[in-house]
C-alpha atoms as a PDB file:
ATOM      1  CA  UNK A   1      32.406  25.618 174.027  1.00  0.00           C
ATOM      2  CA  UNK A   2      30.702  29.008 174.415  1.00  0.00           C
ATOM      3  CA  UNK A   3      29.861  31.236 171.573  1.00  0.00           C
ATOM      4  CA  UNK A   4      32.340  34.025 170.682  1.00  0.00           C
ATOM      5  CA  UNK A   5      29.622  36.498 169.695  1.00  0.00           C
ATOM      6  CA  UNK A   6      26.080  37.089 170.726  1.00  0.00           C
ATOM      7  CA  UNK A   7      23.526  35.855 168.130  1.00  0.00           C
ATOM      8  CA  UNK A   8      22.254  39.465 167.579  1.00  0.00           C
ATOM      9  CA  UNK A   9      25.905  40.501 166.843  1.00  0.00           C
ATOM     10  CA  UNK A  10      26.188  37.578 164.381  1.00  0.00           C
ATOM     11  CA  UNK A  11      22.940  38.649 162.616  1.00  0.00           C
ATOM     12  CA  UNK A  12      24.138  42.321 162.454  1.00  0.00           C
ATOM     13  CA  UNK A  13      27.416  41.196 160.914  1.00  0.00           C
ATOM     14  CA  UNK A  14      25.688  39.013 158.381  1.00  0.00           C
ATOM     15  CA  UNK A  15      23.166  41.789 157.366  1.00  0.00           C
ATOM     16  CA  UNK A  16      26.119  44.327 157.134  1.00  0.00           C
ATOM     17  CA  UNK A  17      28.014  41.971 154.852  1.00  0.00           C
ATOM     18  CA  UNK A  18      25.034  41.546 152.647  1.00  0.00           C
ATOM     19  CA  UNK A  19      24.374  45.329 152.597  1.00  0.00           C
ATOM     20  CA  UNK A  20      28.119  45.933 151.605  1.00  0.00           C
ATOM     21  CA  UNK A  21      27.708  43.278 148.828  1.00  0.00           C
ATOM     22  CA  UNK A  22      24.588  45.059 147.443  1.00  0.00           C
ATOM     23  CA  UNK A  23      26.360  48.372 147.706  1.00  0.00           C
ATOM     24  CA  UNK A  24      29.307  47.077 145.791  1.00  0.00           C
ATOM     25  CA  UNK A  25      27.052  45.539 143.107  1.00  0.00           C
ATOM     26  CA  UNK A  26      25.200  48.828 142.789  1.00  0.00           C
ATOM     27  CA  UNK A  27      28.388  50.823 142.416  1.00  0.00           C
ATOM     28  CA  UNK A  28      29.552  48.503 139.642  1.00  0.00           C
ATOM     29  CA  UNK A  29      26.223  48.770 137.887  1.00  0.00           C
ATOM     30  CA  UNK A  30      26.312  52.528 138.157  1.00  0.00           C
ATOM     31  CA  UNK A  31      29.771  52.813 136.887  1.00  0.00           C
ATOM     32  CA  UNK A  32      29.010  50.542 133.814  1.00  0.00           C
ATOM     33  CA  UNK A  33      25.842  52.671 133.185  1.00  0.00           C
ATOM     34  CA  UNK A  34      27.797  55.901 133.439  1.00  0.00           C
ATOM     35  CA  UNK A  35      30.360  54.686 130.971  1.00  0.00           C
ATOM     36  CA  UNK A  36      27.919  53.377 128.360  1.00  0.00           C
ATOM     37  CA  UNK A  37      27.392  55.221 125.093  1.00  0.00           C
ATOM     38  CA  UNK A  38      24.551  57.697 125.161  1.00  0.00           C
ATOM     39  CA  UNK A  39      23.507  56.779 121.622  1.00  0.00           C
ATOM     40  CA  UNK A  40      22.851  53.359 120.116  1.00  0.00           C
ATOM     41  CA  UNK A  41      26.004  51.599 118.945  1.00  0.00           C
ATOM     42  CA  UNK A  42      26.885  52.288 115.384  1.00  0.00           C
ATOM     43  CA  UNK A  43      24.633  55.378 115.138  1.00  0.00           C
ATOM     44  CA  UNK A  44      26.265  58.046 113.192  1.00  0.00           C
ATOM     45  CA  UNK A  45      25.836  61.483 114.892  1.00  0.00           C
ATOM     46  CA  UNK A  46      25.507  64.371 112.356  1.00  0.00           C
ATOM     47  CA  UNK A  47      28.226  66.956 112.936  1.00  0.00           C
ATOM     48  CA  UNK A  48      27.216  70.571 112.899  1.00  0.00           C
ATOM     49  CA  UNK A  49      30.492  71.600 111.190  1.00  0.00           C
ATOM     50  CA  UNK A  50      32.448  69.613 108.506  1.00  0.00           C
ATOM     51  CA  UNK A  51      35.469  68.067 110.225  1.00  0.00           C
ATOM     52  CA  UNK A  52      38.668  66.440 109.134  1.00  0.00           C
ATOM     53  CA  UNK A  53      40.782  64.281 111.511  1.00  0.00           C
ATOM     54  CA  UNK A  54      43.388  64.129 108.883  1.00  0.00           C
ATOM     55  CA  UNK A  55      43.823  67.941 109.084  1.00  0.00           C
ATOM     56  CA  UNK A  56      43.638  68.387 112.853  1.00  0.00           C
ATOM     57  CA  UNK A  57      45.493  65.399 114.033  1.00  0.00           C
ATOM     58  CA  UNK A  58      48.030  64.495 111.304  1.00  0.00           C
ATOM     59  CA  UNK A  59      48.639  67.938 109.825  1.00  0.00           C
ATOM     60  CA  UNK A  60      48.317  70.161 112.893  1.00  0.00           C
ATOM     61  CA  UNK A  61      49.442  67.642 115.587  1.00  0.00           C
ATOM     62  CA  UNK A  62      46.604  68.150 117.979  1.00  0.00           C
ATOM     63  CA  UNK A  63      46.269  65.279 120.456  1.00  0.00           C
ATOM     64  CA  UNK A  64      43.031  63.257 120.440  1.00  0.00           C
ATOM     65  CA  UNK A  65      42.443  63.936 124.122  1.00  0.00           C
ATOM     66  CA  UNK A  66      42.267  67.705 123.613  1.00  0.00           C
ATOM     67  CA  UNK A  67      38.880  67.343 121.865  1.00  0.00           C
ATOM     68  CA  UNK A  68      37.764  63.947 123.158  1.00  0.00           C
ATOM     69  CA  UNK A  69      38.021  64.618 126.869  1.00  0.00           C
ATOM     70  CA  UNK A  70      36.159  61.455 127.905  1.00  0.00           C
ATOM     71  CA  UNK A  71      38.304  59.032 125.917  1.00  0.00           C
ATOM     72  CA  UNK A  72      40.362  57.860 128.899  1.00  0.00           C
ATOM     73  CA  UNK A  73      37.319  57.682 131.264  1.00  0.00           C
ATOM     74  CA  UNK A  74      34.827  55.630 129.042  1.00  0.00           C
ATOM     75  CA  UNK A  75      34.672  53.152 126.230  1.00  0.00           C
ATOM     76  CA  UNK A  76      33.731  55.801 123.611  1.00  0.00           C
ATOM     77  CA  UNK A  77      35.416  58.991 122.658  1.00  0.00           C
ATOM     78  CA  UNK A  78      32.208  61.201 122.542  1.00  0.00           C
ATOM     79  CA  UNK A  79      31.530  64.038 120.278  1.00  0.00           C
ATOM     80  CA  UNK A  80      33.221  67.342 121.370  1.00  0.00           C
ATOM     81  CA  UNK A  81      31.147  70.416 121.921  1.00  0.00           C
ATOM     82  CA  UNK A  82      31.596  73.318 119.671  1.00  0.00           C
ATOM     83  CA  UNK A  83      33.052  75.159 122.612  1.00  0.00           C
ATOM     84  CA  UNK A  84      36.149  73.094 122.274  1.00  0.00           C
ATOM     85  CA  UNK A  85      36.349  73.946 118.555  1.00  0.00           C
ATOM     86  CA  UNK A  86      35.990  77.640 119.270  1.00  0.00           C
ATOM     87  CA  UNK A  87      38.772  77.683 121.730  1.00  0.00           C
ATOM     88  CA  UNK A  88      40.999  77.796 118.628  1.00  0.00           C
ATOM     89  CA  UNK A  89      38.632  78.937 115.920  1.00  0.00           C
ATOM     90  CA  UNK A  90      37.498  82.045 117.720  1.00  0.00           C
ATOM     91  CA  UNK A  91      40.901  83.417 116.704  1.00  0.00           C
ATOM     92  CA  UNK A  92      41.759  81.257 113.612  1.00  0.00           C
ATOM     93  CA  UNK A  93      39.645  81.296 110.475  1.00  0.00           C
ATOM     94  CA  UNK A  94      36.967  83.425 111.950  1.00  0.00           C
ATOM     95  CA  UNK A  95      35.731  84.429 108.500  1.00  0.00           C
ATOM     96  CA  UNK A  96      35.221  80.818 107.311  1.00  0.00           C
ATOM     97  CA  UNK A  97      31.620  80.433 106.091  1.00  0.00           C
ATOM     98  CA  UNK A  98      31.250  77.017 107.651  1.00  0.00           C
ATOM     99  CA  UNK A  99      31.928  78.463 111.141  1.00  0.00           C
ATOM    100  CA  UNK A 100      29.550  81.267 110.803  1.00  0.00           C
ATOM    101  CA  UNK A 101      26.730  79.578 112.703  1.00  0.00           C
ATOM    102  CA  UNK A 102      28.872  78.385 115.564  1.00  0.00           C
ATOM    103  CA  UNK A 103      30.459  81.733 116.216  1.00  0.00           C
ATOM    104  CA  UNK A 104      27.035  83.270 117.118  1.00  0.00           C
ATOM    105  CA  UNK A 105      26.259  83.320 120.839  1.00  0.00           C
ATOM    106  CA  UNK A 106      24.051  80.327 121.717  1.00  0.00           C
ATOM    107  CA  UNK A 107      21.206  80.065 124.207  1.00  0.00           C
ATOM    108  CA  UNK A 108      22.089  77.762 126.991  1.00  0.00           C
ATOM    109  CA  UNK A 109      19.353  75.517 128.317  1.00  0.00           C
ATOM    110  CA  UNK A 110      20.971  74.481 131.617  1.00  0.00           C
END
């Protein structure tokens, strides 16, 4: 019985399959790396402004996803930037002493 494909075609198909396999493994590795926590597990990150989840979530009814934008995309909620806080606090409680540092314009490094 004659071969269905030329030996060079079979080699190209095998190499293409191996390349696709490596590309898939690389994509999985990249996705897991991108979703990993930027800090060591269990490390407490100091917050620049005192914060109460009880007040914001239970009392005010703010959804977690408003501040923690990456919670549905990765395995950690992340620490929201002060820009998210200031979307409300630029109008509310402007004179609070604890917000005085965050209301000043900041220098951006990017």
